[in-house]
Amino acid sequence: MPERAPVLDTLQRGAVDSAVRDYLHLASLELGRSVPVPPVRFDLSGRSAGMFRARGRECELRFNPWIFARYYDENLSETVPHEVAHYLVWWQFPRRRTRPHGAEWQAWMCFFGVEPRVTFDRDISGLPQRRQRRFRYRCDCSEHSLSTTRHRRQERGEARYQCRRCGGPLRRDP
């Protein structure tokens, strides 16, 4: 029987929650006003260790409990401030579009004393992962692979994708 992937225990989840609050407290002191604490969830799956998600006025911080458990110390010191920095940029500039890892985000990462790195590059073999199905498309010069999300947008007529090389439209490859 295969070994089960470790998952965050209650104490570790509490430590993550405390770290989020600590970073937000530091930000509150820097800004001179109280920053609300968003919901923190441990329901993320796939290849990402963490995610900040905002929909309208609602937002949340999500963490992958399997990746977090495998690389706990690293995630606590890097992933938590990374996602909190995303939240702070969203909270600080609600009506302004900012680049996801732009100057505002980088400034918060530096303020927290963390290198503003974007990717989490660790071995996650053996951990539960969500995989999207890929769909084959063609243009005039080559074959392309579209994710399920992009395929569905194309099928519903919500988006039209084209090749970056030849500029031709992408057509479904039977």
C-alpha atoms as a PDB file:
ATOM      1  CA  MET A   1       0.000   0.000   0.000  1.00  0.00           C
ATOM      2  CA  PRO A   2       1.480   3.421  -0.982  1.00  0.00           C
ATOM      3  CA  GLU A   3       2.530   5.804   1.766  1.00  0.00           C
ATOM      4  CA  ARG A   4       0.042   8.611   2.420  1.00  0.00           C
ATOM      5  CA  ALA A   5       1.241  12.147   1.808  1.00  0.00           C
ATOM      6  CA  PRO A   6       1.680  14.131   5.036  1.00  0.00           C
ATOM      7  CA  VAL A   7      -0.796  16.917   5.633  1.00  0.00           C
ATOM      8  CA  LEU A   8      -0.681  19.930   7.950  1.00  0.00           C
ATOM      9  CA  ASP A   9      -1.733  19.191  11.517  1.00  0.00           C
ATOM     10  CA  THR A  10      -3.784  21.509  13.729  1.00  0.00           C
ATOM     11  CA  LEU A  11      -0.749  23.095  15.397  1.00  0.00           C
ATOM     12  CA  GLN A  12       0.899  23.835  12.052  1.00  0.00           C
ATOM     13  CA  ARG A  13      -2.310  25.366  10.686  1.00  0.00           C
ATOM     14  CA  GLY A  14      -2.455  27.549  13.796  1.00  0.00           C
ATOM     15  CA  ALA A  15       1.134  28.647  13.212  1.00  0.00           C
ATOM     16  CA  VAL A  16       0.315  29.589   9.613  1.00  0.00           C
ATOM     17  CA  ASP A  17      -2.697  31.567  10.802  1.00  0.00           C
ATOM     18  CA  SER A  18      -0.511  33.330  13.402  1.00  0.00           C
ATOM     19  CA  ALA A  19       2.135  34.120  10.780  1.00  0.00           C
ATOM     20  CA  VAL A  20      -0.532  35.706   8.553  1.00  0.00           C
ATOM     21  CA  ARG A  21      -1.690  37.834  11.492  1.00  0.00           C
ATOM     22  CA  ASP A  22       1.897  38.801  12.375  1.00  0.00           C
ATOM     23  CA  TYR A  23       2.664  39.981   8.832  1.00  0.00           C
ATOM     24  CA  LEU A  24      -0.592  41.935   8.734  1.00  0.00           C
ATOM     25  CA  HIS A  25       0.222  43.501  12.115  1.00  0.00           C
ATOM     26  CA  LEU A  26       3.604  44.663  10.741  1.00  0.00           C
ATOM     27  CA  ALA A  27       1.838  46.079   7.690  1.00  0.00           C
ATOM     28  CA  SER A  28      -0.703  47.857   9.911  1.00  0.00           C
ATOM     29  CA  LEU A  29       2.099  49.528  11.844  1.00  0.00           C
ATOM     30  CA  GLU A  30       3.798  50.572   8.588  1.00  0.00           C
ATOM     31  CA  LEU A  31       0.571  51.956   7.084  1.00  0.00           C
ATOM     32  CA  GLY A  32      -0.643  53.566  10.298  1.00  0.00           C
ATOM     33  CA  ARG A  33      -4.044  51.888  10.024  1.00  0.00           C
ATOM     34  CA  SER A  34      -5.485  48.494  10.803  1.00  0.00           C
ATOM     35  CA  VAL A  35      -5.460  45.914   8.018  1.00  0.00           C
ATOM     36  CA  PRO A  36      -8.302  43.369   8.282  1.00  0.00           C
ATOM     37  CA  VAL A  37      -7.395  39.683   8.406  1.00  0.00           C
ATOM     38  CA  PRO A  38      -8.817  37.746   5.444  1.00  0.00           C
ATOM     39  CA  PRO A  39     -10.063  34.163   5.746  1.00  0.00           C
ATOM     40  CA  VAL A  40      -7.242  31.606   5.661  1.00  0.00           C
ATOM     41  CA  ARG A  41      -8.071  28.238   4.101  1.00  0.00           C
ATOM     42  CA  PHE A  42      -6.106  25.042   3.623  1.00  0.00           C
ATOM     43  CA  ASP A  43      -8.030  23.731   0.628  1.00  0.00           C
ATOM     44  CA  LEU A  44      -5.715  24.462  -2.294  1.00  0.00           C
ATOM     45  CA  SER A  45      -4.756  21.544  -4.513  1.00  0.00           C
ATOM     46  CA  GLY A  46      -2.524  21.286  -7.517  1.00  0.00           C
ATOM     47  CA  ARG A  47       1.047  22.470  -7.936  1.00  0.00           C
ATOM     48  CA  SER A  48       0.832  25.780  -6.034  1.00  0.00           C
ATOM     49  CA  ALA A  49       1.830  26.095  -2.392  1.00  0.00           C
ATOM     50  CA  GLY A  50      -0.334  29.170  -1.858  1.00  0.00           C
ATOM     51  CA  MET A  51      -2.779  31.531  -3.513  1.00  0.00           C
ATOM     52  CA  PHE A  52      -4.412  34.868  -2.836  1.00  0.00           C
ATOM     53  CA  ARG A  53      -7.874  34.958  -4.410  1.00  0.00           C
ATOM     54  CA  ALA A  54     -10.146  37.969  -4.729  1.00  0.00           C
ATOM     55  CA  ARG A  55     -13.615  38.094  -6.224  1.00  0.00           C
ATOM     56  CA  GLY A  56     -15.213  41.490  -6.022  1.00  0.00           C
ATOM     57  CA  ARG A  57     -14.919  42.627  -2.412  1.00  0.00           C
ATOM     58  CA  GLU A  58     -14.409  39.096  -1.070  1.00  0.00           C
ATOM     59  CA  CYS A  59     -10.959  37.611  -0.756  1.00  0.00           C
ATOM     60  CA  GLU A  60      -9.085  34.770   0.906  1.00  0.00           C
ATOM     61  CA  LEU A  61      -5.654  33.274   1.382  1.00  0.00           C
ATOM     62  CA  ARG A  62      -5.459  29.627   0.371  1.00  0.00           C
ATOM     63  CA  PHE A  63      -2.684  27.166   1.091  1.00  0.00           C
ATOM     64  CA  ASN A  64      -1.943  23.668  -0.161  1.00  0.00           C
ATOM     65  CA  PRO A  65      -1.810  21.467   2.970  1.00  0.00           C
ATOM     66  CA  TRP A  66       0.256  18.708   1.310  1.00  0.00           C
ATOM     67  CA  ILE A  67       2.958  20.934  -0.193  1.00  0.00           C
ATOM     68  CA  PHE A  68       2.971  23.017   2.973  1.00  0.00           C
ATOM     69  CA  ALA A  69       3.493  19.934   5.153  1.00  0.00           C
ATOM     70  CA  ARG A  70       6.369  18.623   3.036  1.00  0.00           C
ATOM     71  CA  TYR A  71       8.215  21.969   3.026  1.00  0.00           C
ATOM     72  CA  TYR A  72       6.757  23.479   6.182  1.00  0.00           C
ATOM     73  CA  ASP A  73       9.564  25.826   7.320  1.00  0.00           C
ATOM     74  CA  GLU A  74      10.211  27.141   3.818  1.00  0.00           C
ATOM     75  CA  ASN A  75       6.511  27.751   3.179  1.00  0.00           C
ATOM     76  CA  LEU A  76       6.050  29.467   6.516  1.00  0.00           C
ATOM     77  CA  SER A  77       8.906  31.862   5.799  1.00  0.00           C
ATOM     78  CA  GLU A  78       8.334  32.402   2.058  1.00  0.00           C
ATOM     79  CA  THR A  79       4.862  31.375   0.871  1.00  0.00           C
ATOM     80  CA  VAL A  80       2.940  33.045   3.701  1.00  0.00           C
ATOM     81  CA  PRO A  81       4.532  36.498   3.198  1.00  0.00           C
ATOM     82  CA  HIS A  82       4.238  36.028  -0.584  1.00  0.00           C
ATOM     83  CA  GLU A  83       0.457  35.597  -0.372  1.00  0.00           C
ATOM     84  CA  VAL A  84       0.041  38.250   2.340  1.00  0.00           C
ATOM     85  CA  ALA A  85       1.907  40.693   0.068  1.00  0.00           C
ATOM     86  CA  HIS A  86      -0.613  39.957  -2.724  1.00  0.00           C
ATOM     87  CA  TYR A  87      -3.447  40.627  -0.285  1.00  0.00           C
ATOM     88  CA  LEU A  88      -1.891  43.901   0.883  1.00  0.00           C
ATOM     89  CA  VAL A  89      -1.496  45.185  -2.682  1.00  0.00           C
ATOM     90  CA  TRP A  90      -5.139  44.309  -3.409  1.00  0.00           C
ATOM     91  CA  TRP A  91      -6.285  45.919  -0.142  1.00  0.00           C
ATOM     92  CA  GLN A  92      -4.107  49.012  -0.535  1.00  0.00           C
ATOM     93  CA  PHE A  93      -4.986  49.705  -4.190  1.00  0.00           C
ATOM     94  CA  PRO A  94      -8.588  48.482  -4.587  1.00  0.00           C
ATOM     95  CA  ARG A  95      -9.401  50.412  -7.763  1.00  0.00           C
ATOM     96  CA  ARG A  96      -6.019  50.245  -9.442  1.00  0.00           C
ATOM     97  CA  ARG A  97      -4.830  47.399 -11.587  1.00  0.00           C
ATOM     98  CA  THR A  98      -1.359  46.320 -10.530  1.00  0.00           C
ATOM     99  CA  ARG A  99       0.957  43.674 -11.887  1.00  0.00           C
ATOM    100  CA  PRO A 100       0.756  40.472  -9.803  1.00  0.00           C
ATOM    101  CA  HIS A 101       4.464  40.543  -8.926  1.00  0.00           C
ATOM    102  CA  GLY A 102       5.040  44.206  -9.687  1.00  0.00           C
ATOM    103  CA  ALA A 103       6.744  46.972  -7.741  1.00  0.00           C
ATOM    104  CA  GLU A 104       4.037  47.194  -5.052  1.00  0.00           C
ATOM    105  CA  TRP A 105       4.206  43.459  -4.313  1.00  0.00           C
ATOM    106  CA  GLN A 106       8.006  43.480  -4.369  1.00  0.00           C
ATOM    107  CA  ALA A 107       8.059  46.402  -1.920  1.00  0.00           C
ATOM    108  CA  TRP A 108       5.976  44.435   0.592  1.00  0.00           C
ATOM    109  CA  MET A 109       8.190  41.367   0.186  1.00  0.00           C
ATOM    110  CA  CYS A 110      11.298  43.475   0.855  1.00  0.00           C
ATOM    111  CA  PHE A 111       9.557  45.092   3.836  1.00  0.00           C
ATOM    112  CA  PHE A 112       8.955  41.594   5.242  1.00  0.00           C
ATOM    113  CA  GLY A 113      12.631  40.756   4.630  1.00  0.00           C
ATOM    114  CA  VAL A 114      11.851  38.063   2.084  1.00  0.00           C
ATOM    115  CA  GLU A 115      13.385  37.792  -1.378  1.00  0.00           C
ATOM    116  CA  PRO A 116      10.625  38.601  -3.904  1.00  0.00           C
ATOM    117  CA  ARG A 117      10.744  35.250  -5.716  1.00  0.00           C
ATOM    118  CA  VAL A 118       7.812  34.171  -7.823  1.00  0.00           C
ATOM    119  CA  THR A 119       8.111  30.414  -8.249  1.00  0.00           C
ATOM    120  CA  PHE A 120       8.064  27.558  -5.788  1.00  0.00           C
ATOM    121  CA  ASP A 121      10.337  24.967  -7.354  1.00  0.00           C
ATOM    122  CA  ARG A 122      10.367  21.837  -5.210  1.00  0.00           C
ATOM    123  CA  ASP A 123       9.745  18.138  -5.724  1.00  0.00           C
ATOM    124  CA  ILE A 124       6.031  17.470  -5.219  1.00  0.00           C
ATOM    125  CA  SER A 125       5.971  13.903  -6.521  1.00  0.00           C
ATOM    126  CA  GLY A 126       3.688  11.673  -4.502  1.00  0.00           C
ATOM    127  CA  LEU A 127       1.462  14.571  -3.434  1.00  0.00           C
ATOM    128  CA  PRO A 128      -2.156  14.943  -4.585  1.00  0.00           C
ATOM    129  CA  GLN A 129      -2.259  17.140  -7.680  1.00  0.00           C
ATOM    130  CA  ARG A 130      -5.062  18.493  -9.790  1.00  0.00           C
ATOM    131  CA  ARG A 131      -4.331  18.259 -13.489  1.00  0.00           C
ATOM    132  CA  GLN A 132      -6.251  19.960 -16.256  1.00  0.00           C
ATOM    133  CA  ARG A 133      -6.990  18.094 -19.412  1.00  0.00           C
ATOM    134  CA  ARG A 134      -5.319  19.549 -22.511  1.00  0.00           C
ATOM    135  CA  PHE A 135      -6.950  19.988 -25.940  1.00  0.00           C
ATOM    136  CA  ARG A 136      -5.127  19.935 -29.266  1.00  0.00           C
ATOM    137  CA  TYR A 137      -5.504  22.935 -31.557  1.00  0.00           C
ATOM    138  CA  ARG A 138      -3.768  23.890 -34.803  1.00  0.00           C
ATOM    139  CA  CYS A 139      -2.929  27.082 -36.640  1.00  0.00           C
ATOM    140  CA  ASP A 140      -1.272  27.552 -40.032  1.00  0.00           C
ATOM    141  CA  CYS A 141       2.227  26.843 -38.702  1.00  0.00           C
ATOM    142  CA  SER A 142       2.060  24.480 -35.725  1.00  0.00           C
ATOM    143  CA  GLU A 143       0.140  22.504 -33.113  1.00  0.00           C
ATOM    144  CA  HIS A 144      -0.972  24.036 -29.793  1.00  0.00           C
ATOM    145  CA  SER A 145      -2.226  22.690 -26.480  1.00  0.00           C
ATOM    146  CA  LEU A 146      -5.019  24.604 -24.746  1.00  0.00           C
ATOM    147  CA  SER A 147      -6.072  24.096 -21.140  1.00  0.00           C
ATOM    148  CA  THR A 148      -9.612  23.043 -20.302  1.00  0.00           C
ATOM    149  CA  THR A 149     -10.407  26.610 -19.265  1.00  0.00           C
ATOM    150  CA  ARG A 150      -9.242  28.139 -22.561  1.00  0.00           C
ATOM    151  CA  HIS A 151     -10.849  25.353 -24.586  1.00  0.00           C
ATOM    152  CA  ARG A 152     -14.229  26.004 -22.943  1.00  0.00           C
ATOM    153  CA  ARG A 153     -13.937  29.758 -23.483  1.00  0.00           C
ATOM    154  CA  GLN A 154     -13.210  29.128 -27.154  1.00  0.00           C
ATOM    155  CA  GLU A 155     -16.130  26.688 -27.452  1.00  0.00           C
ATOM    156  CA  ARG A 156     -18.570  29.142 -25.846  1.00  0.00           C
ATOM    157  CA  GLY A 157     -17.370  31.972 -28.084  1.00  0.00           C
ATOM    158  CA  GLU A 158     -16.100  33.986 -25.100  1.00  0.00           C
ATOM    159  CA  ALA A 159     -12.550  34.071 -26.452  1.00  0.00           C
ATOM    160  CA  ARG A 160     -10.677  33.523 -29.670  1.00  0.00           C
ATOM    161  CA  TYR A 161      -7.048  32.460 -29.491  1.00  0.00           C
ATOM    162  CA  GLN A 162      -4.412  32.976 -32.141  1.00  0.00           C
ATOM    163  CA  CYS A 163      -0.860  31.831 -32.724  1.00  0.00           C
ATOM    164  CA  ARG A 164       1.848  34.170 -31.495  1.00  0.00           C
ATOM    165  CA  ARG A 165       4.121  33.199 -34.380  1.00  0.00           C
ATOM    166  CA  CYS A 166       1.901  33.342 -37.470  1.00  0.00           C
ATOM    167  CA  GLY A 167      -1.084  35.216 -36.036  1.00  0.00           C
ATOM    168  CA  GLY A 168      -3.478  32.620 -37.423  1.00  0.00           C
ATOM    169  CA  PRO A 169      -6.577  31.544 -35.499  1.00  0.00           C
ATOM    170  CA  LEU A 170      -6.391  28.361 -33.426  1.00  0.00           C
ATOM    171  CA  ARG A 171      -8.752  25.631 -34.630  1.00  0.00           C
ATOM    172  CA  ARG A 172      -9.651  22.434 -32.788  1.00  0.00           C
ATOM    173  CA  ASP A 173      -7.584  19.496 -34.019  1.00  0.00           C
ATOM    174  CA  PRO A 174      -9.912  16.471 -34.276  1.00  0.00           C
END
